[in-house]
PDB file of N, CA and C in Angstrom:
ATOM      1  N   MET A   1     -14.067  15.453 -16.257  1.00  0.00           N
ATOM      2  CA  MET A   1     -13.142  14.392 -15.970  1.00  0.00           C
ATOM      3  C   MET A   1     -13.741  13.069 -16.445  1.00  0.00           C
ATOM      4  N   LYS A   2     -12.928  12.264 -17.067  1.00  0.00           N
ATOM      5  CA  LYS A   2     -13.371  10.980 -17.615  1.00  0.00           C
ATOM      6  C   LYS A   2     -13.417   9.918 -16.513  1.00  0.00           C
ATOM      7  N   GLU A   3     -14.474   9.127 -16.520  1.00  0.00           N
ATOM      8  CA  GLU A   3     -14.610   8.035 -15.555  1.00  0.00           C
ATOM      9  C   GLU A   3     -14.064   6.753 -16.172  1.00  0.00           C
ATOM     10  N   ILE A   4     -13.306   5.996 -15.363  1.00  0.00           N
ATOM     11  CA  ILE A   4     -12.769   4.727 -15.840  1.00  0.00           C
ATOM     12  C   ILE A   4     -13.229   3.603 -14.907  1.00  0.00           C
ATOM     13  N   ASP A   5     -13.246   2.400 -15.425  1.00  0.00           N
ATOM     14  CA  ASP A   5     -13.561   1.235 -14.605  1.00  0.00           C
ATOM     15  C   ASP A   5     -12.263   0.665 -14.065  1.00  0.00           C
ATOM     16  N   LEU A   6     -12.237   0.432 -12.768  1.00  0.00           N
ATOM     17  CA  LEU A   6     -11.067  -0.115 -12.101  1.00  0.00           C
ATOM     18  C   LEU A   6     -11.548  -1.176 -11.124  1.00  0.00           C
ATOM     19  N   VAL A   7     -10.973  -2.347 -11.197  1.00  0.00           N
ATOM     20  CA  VAL A   7     -11.365  -3.428 -10.312  1.00  0.00           C
ATOM     21  C   VAL A   7     -10.252  -3.660  -9.303  1.00  0.00           C
ATOM     22  N   ILE A   8     -10.605  -3.558  -8.031  1.00  0.00           N
ATOM     23  CA  ILE A   8      -9.661  -3.785  -6.938  1.00  0.00           C
ATOM     24  C   ILE A   8     -10.330  -4.741  -5.967  1.00  0.00           C
ATOM     25  N   ASP A   9      -9.617  -5.799  -5.595  1.00  0.00           N
ATOM     26  CA  ASP A   9     -10.175  -6.669  -4.572  1.00  0.00           C
ATOM     27  C   ASP A   9      -9.191  -6.805  -3.419  1.00  0.00           C
ATOM     28  N   THR A  10      -9.693  -7.202  -2.271  1.00  0.00           N
ATOM     29  CA  THR A  10      -8.842  -7.248  -1.083  1.00  0.00           C
ATOM     30  C   THR A  10      -7.754  -8.311  -1.198  1.00  0.00           C
ATOM     31  N   GLU A  11      -8.003  -9.377  -1.939  1.00  0.00           N
ATOM     32  CA  GLU A  11      -6.963 -10.400  -2.111  1.00  0.00           C
ATOM     33  C   GLU A  11      -5.771  -9.830  -2.878  1.00  0.00           C
ATOM     34  N   GLU A  12      -6.053  -9.040  -3.894  1.00  0.00           N
ATOM     35  CA  GLU A  12      -4.982  -8.400  -4.665  1.00  0.00           C
ATOM     36  C   GLU A  12      -4.211  -7.406  -3.789  1.00  0.00           C
ATOM     37  N   ILE A  13      -4.924  -6.656  -2.976  1.00  0.00           N
ATOM     38  CA  ILE A  13      -4.282  -5.714  -2.057  1.00  0.00           C
ATOM     39  C   ILE A  13      -3.414  -6.484  -1.061  1.00  0.00           C
ATOM     40  N   ALA A  14      -3.931  -7.592  -0.526  1.00  0.00           N
ATOM     41  CA  ALA A  14      -3.181  -8.392   0.445  1.00  0.00           C
ATOM     42  C   ALA A  14      -1.880  -8.906  -0.161  1.00  0.00           C
ATOM     43  N   GLU A  15      -1.949  -9.412  -1.381  1.00  0.00           N
ATOM     44  CA  GLU A  15      -0.749  -9.917  -2.048  1.00  0.00           C
ATOM     45  C   GLU A  15       0.276  -8.801  -2.240  1.00  0.00           C
ATOM     46  N   PHE A  16      -0.187  -7.628  -2.642  1.00  0.00           N
ATOM     47  CA  PHE A  16       0.712  -6.496  -2.842  1.00  0.00           C
ATOM     48  C   PHE A  16       1.405  -6.114  -1.540  1.00  0.00           C
ATOM     49  N   PHE A  17       0.628  -5.968  -0.456  1.00  0.00           N
ATOM     50  CA  PHE A  17       1.219  -5.594   0.819  1.00  0.00           C
ATOM     51  C   PHE A  17       2.171  -6.663   1.338  1.00  0.00           C
ATOM     52  N   TYR A  18       1.814  -7.933   1.164  1.00  0.00           N
ATOM     53  CA  TYR A  18       2.700  -9.002   1.619  1.00  0.00           C
ATOM     54  C   TYR A  18       4.057  -8.902   0.926  1.00  0.00           C
ATOM     55  N   LYS A  19       4.043  -8.763  -0.406  1.00  0.00           N
ATOM     56  CA  LYS A  19       5.293  -8.658  -1.159  1.00  0.00           C
ATOM     57  C   LYS A  19       6.110  -7.448  -0.726  1.00  0.00           C
ATOM     58  N   GLU A  20       5.452  -6.312  -0.582  1.00  0.00           N
ATOM     59  CA  GLU A  20       6.161  -5.090  -0.212  1.00  0.00           C
ATOM     60  C   GLU A  20       6.705  -5.153   1.218  1.00  0.00           C
ATOM     61  N   LEU A  21       5.921  -5.709   2.143  1.00  0.00           N
ATOM     62  CA  LEU A  21       6.407  -5.850   3.517  1.00  0.00           C
ATOM     63  C   LEU A  21       7.558  -6.850   3.590  1.00  0.00           C
ATOM     64  N   ALA A  22       7.477  -7.942   2.816  1.00  0.00           N
ATOM     65  CA  ALA A  22       8.552  -8.935   2.795  1.00  0.00           C
ATOM     66  C   ALA A  22       9.852  -8.319   2.292  1.00  0.00           C
ATOM     67  N   LYS A  23       9.765  -7.456   1.269  1.00  0.00           N
ATOM     68  CA  LYS A  23      10.952  -6.762   0.756  1.00  0.00           C
ATOM     69  C   LYS A  23      11.626  -5.933   1.842  1.00  0.00           C
ATOM     70  N   ARG A  24      10.820  -5.440   2.788  1.00  0.00           N
ATOM     71  CA  ARG A  24      11.322  -4.577   3.859  1.00  0.00           C
ATOM     72  C   ARG A  24      11.654  -5.350   5.134  1.00  0.00           C
ATOM     73  N   GLY A  25      11.538  -6.673   5.053  1.00  0.00           N
ATOM     74  CA  GLY A  25      11.925  -7.501   6.178  1.00  0.00           C
ATOM     75  C   GLY A  25      10.814  -7.834   7.161  1.00  0.00           C
ATOM     76  N   TYR A  26       9.581  -7.544   6.816  1.00  0.00           N
ATOM     77  CA  TYR A  26       8.444  -7.850   7.673  1.00  0.00           C
ATOM     78  C   TYR A  26       7.658  -9.009   7.061  1.00  0.00           C
ATOM     79  N   ILE A  27       7.357 -10.006   7.880  1.00  0.00           N
ATOM     80  CA  ILE A  27       6.579 -11.143   7.394  1.00  0.00           C
ATOM     81  C   ILE A  27       5.336 -11.280   8.279  1.00  0.00           C
ATOM     82  N   PRO A  28       4.249 -10.620   7.879  1.00  0.00           N
ATOM     83  CA  PRO A  28       3.012 -10.715   8.664  1.00  0.00           C
ATOM     84  C   PRO A  28       2.313 -12.055   8.419  1.00  0.00           C
ATOM     85  N   CYS A  29       1.522 -12.483   9.384  1.00  0.00           N
ATOM     86  CA  CYS A  29       0.755 -13.710   9.181  1.00  0.00           C
ATOM     87  C   CYS A  29      -0.411 -13.402   8.234  1.00  0.00           C
ATOM     88  N   GLU A  30      -1.049 -14.448   7.744  1.00  0.00           N
ATOM     89  CA  GLU A  30      -2.127 -14.300   6.764  1.00  0.00           C
ATOM     90  C   GLU A  30      -3.266 -13.432   7.312  1.00  0.00           C
ATOM     91  N   GLU A  31      -3.633 -13.645   8.566  1.00  0.00           N
ATOM     92  CA  GLU A  31      -4.720 -12.867   9.170  1.00  0.00           C
ATOM     93  C   GLU A  31      -4.380 -11.376   9.207  1.00  0.00           C
ATOM     94  N   GLU A  32      -3.139 -11.057   9.560  1.00  0.00           N
ATOM     95  CA  GLU A  32      -2.716  -9.657   9.631  1.00  0.00           C
ATOM     96  C   GLU A  32      -2.748  -8.991   8.259  1.00  0.00           C
ATOM     97  N   ILE A  33      -2.276  -9.700   7.254  1.00  0.00           N
ATOM     98  CA  ILE A  33      -2.208  -9.102   5.927  1.00  0.00           C
ATOM     99  C   ILE A  33      -3.591  -8.855   5.351  1.00  0.00           C
ATOM    100  N   PHE A  34      -4.555  -9.749   5.640  1.00  0.00           N
ATOM    101  CA  PHE A  34      -5.912  -9.517   5.158  1.00  0.00           C
ATOM    102  C   PHE A  34      -6.588  -8.380   5.925  1.00  0.00           C
ATOM    103  N   GLU A  35      -6.235  -8.189   7.193  1.00  0.00           N
ATOM    104  CA  GLU A  35      -6.744  -7.037   7.945  1.00  0.00           C
ATOM    105  C   GLU A  35      -6.231  -5.742   7.325  1.00  0.00           C
ATOM    106  N   ILE A  36      -4.952  -5.718   6.969  1.00  0.00           N
ATOM    107  CA  ILE A  36      -4.364  -4.538   6.325  1.00  0.00           C
ATOM    108  C   ILE A  36      -5.068  -4.275   4.993  1.00  0.00           C
ATOM    109  N   ALA A  37      -5.329  -5.321   4.235  1.00  0.00           N
ATOM    110  CA  ALA A  37      -6.017  -5.172   2.949  1.00  0.00           C
ATOM    111  C   ALA A  37      -7.426  -4.622   3.147  1.00  0.00           C
ATOM    112  N   ASP A  38      -8.151  -5.138   4.138  1.00  0.00           N
ATOM    113  CA  ASP A  38      -9.503  -4.635   4.417  1.00  0.00           C
ATOM    114  C   ASP A  38      -9.485  -3.168   4.827  1.00  0.00           C
ATOM    115  N   ILE A  39      -8.521  -2.797   5.650  1.00  0.00           N
ATOM    116  CA  ILE A  39      -8.392  -1.403   6.085  1.00  0.00           C
ATOM    117  C   ILE A  39      -8.098  -0.507   4.882  1.00  0.00           C
ATOM    118  N   THR A  40      -7.220  -0.959   4.013  1.00  0.00           N
ATOM    119  CA  THR A  40      -6.877  -0.181   2.814  1.00  0.00           C
ATOM    120  C   THR A  40      -8.096  -0.006   1.915  1.00  0.00           C
ATOM    121  N   PHE A  41      -8.861  -1.075   1.718  1.00  0.00           N
ATOM    122  CA  PHE A  41     -10.064  -1.009   0.898  1.00  0.00           C
ATOM    123  C   PHE A  41     -11.066  -0.031   1.507  1.00  0.00           C
ATOM    124  N   ASP A  42     -11.255  -0.116   2.830  1.00  0.00           N
ATOM    125  CA  ASP A  42     -12.163   0.809   3.521  1.00  0.00           C
ATOM    126  C   ASP A  42     -11.703   2.256   3.386  1.00  0.00           C
ATOM    127  N   TYR A  43     -10.399   2.472   3.435  1.00  0.00           N
ATOM    128  CA  TYR A  43      -9.847   3.822   3.270  1.00  0.00           C
ATOM    129  C   TYR A  43     -10.176   4.368   1.879  1.00  0.00           C
ATOM    130  N   LEU A  44      -9.983   3.551   0.862  1.00  0.00           N
ATOM    131  CA  LEU A  44     -10.287   3.986  -0.503  1.00  0.00           C
ATOM    132  C   LEU A  44     -11.773   4.303  -0.675  1.00  0.00           C
ATOM    133  N   LEU A  45     -12.628   3.517  -0.031  1.00  0.00           N
ATOM    134  CA  LEU A  45     -14.069   3.795  -0.057  1.00  0.00           C
ATOM    135  C   LEU A  45     -14.386   5.112   0.644  1.00  0.00           C
ATOM    136  N   GLU A  46     -13.799   5.294   1.824  1.00  0.00           N
ATOM    137  CA  GLU A  46     -14.068   6.497   2.620  1.00  0.00           C
ATOM    138  C   GLU A  46     -13.631   7.768   1.894  1.00  0.00           C
ATOM    139  N   LYS A  47     -12.535   7.695   1.168  1.00  0.00           N
ATOM    140  CA  LYS A  47     -12.022   8.850   0.429  1.00  0.00           C
ATOM    141  C   LYS A  47     -12.694   9.007  -0.934  1.00  0.00           C
ATOM    142  N   CYS A  48     -13.694   8.156  -1.210  1.00  0.00           N
ATOM    143  CA  CYS A  48     -14.443   8.199  -2.473  1.00  0.00           C
ATOM    144  C   CYS A  48     -13.540   7.997  -3.696  1.00  0.00           C
ATOM    145  N   MET A  49     -12.493   7.225  -3.506  1.00  0.00           N
ATOM    146  CA  MET A  49     -11.604   6.911  -4.611  1.00  0.00           C
ATOM    147  C   MET A  49     -12.132   5.722  -5.403  1.00  0.00           C
ATOM    148  N   ILE A  50     -12.946   4.890  -4.736  1.00  0.00           N
ATOM    149  CA  ILE A  50     -13.559   3.730  -5.382  1.00  0.00           C
ATOM    150  C   ILE A  50     -14.997   3.601  -4.896  1.00  0.00           C
ATOM    151  N   ASP A  51     -15.784   2.850  -5.631  1.00  0.00           N
ATOM    152  CA  ASP A  51     -17.146   2.489  -5.232  1.00  0.00           C
ATOM    153  C   ASP A  51     -17.184   0.982  -5.083  1.00  0.00           C
ATOM    154  N   GLU A  52     -17.878   0.522  -4.064  1.00  0.00           N
ATOM    155  CA  GLU A  52     -17.975  -0.914  -3.845  1.00  0.00           C
ATOM    156  C   GLU A  52     -19.106  -1.491  -4.679  1.00  0.00           C
ATOM    157  N   GLU A  53     -18.794  -2.548  -5.393  1.00  0.00           N
ATOM    158  CA  GLU A  53     -19.796  -3.275  -6.169  1.00  0.00           C
ATOM    159  C   GLU A  53     -19.784  -4.708  -5.687  1.00  0.00           C
ATOM    160  N   LEU A  54     -20.938  -5.213  -5.321  1.00  0.00           N
ATOM    161  CA  LEU A  54     -21.041  -6.579  -4.832  1.00  0.00           C
ATOM    162  C   LEU A  54     -21.244  -7.524  -5.997  1.00  0.00           C
ATOM    163  N   ASP A  55     -20.597  -8.679  -5.937  1.00  0.00           N
ATOM    164  CA  ASP A  55     -20.776  -9.705  -6.969  1.00  0.00           C
ATOM    165  C   ASP A  55     -22.170 -10.287  -6.873  1.00  0.00           C
ATOM    166  N   ASP A  56     -22.754 -10.583  -8.009  1.00  0.00           N
ATOM    167  CA  ASP A  56     -24.071 -11.218  -8.039  1.00  0.00           C
ATOM    168  C   ASP A  56     -23.957 -12.736  -7.968  1.00  0.00           C
ATOM    169  N   GLU A  57     -22.718 -13.230  -7.944  1.00  0.00           N
ATOM    170  CA  GLU A  57     -22.498 -14.673  -7.893  1.00  0.00           C
ATOM    171  C   GLU A  57     -22.812 -15.196  -6.501  1.00  0.00           C
ATOM    172  N   CYS A  58     -23.601 -16.252  -6.422  1.00  0.00           N
ATOM    173  CA  CYS A  58     -23.929 -16.857  -5.130  1.00  0.00           C
ATOM    174  C   CYS A  58     -23.777 -18.354  -5.195  1.00  0.00           C
TER     175      CYS A  58
END
């Protein structure tokens, strides 16, 4: 199986969930949407679908 590079960040996940929830009539607050994004990111890590890479920028 070929390995590919894929970049996913929690801000991008948060924006996606916000748009999709808004389409369905749900408007979560900013704190809630970032919690959902963090949970989703953790789920992808737990299922070994992604690997976490930390930025070297400080």
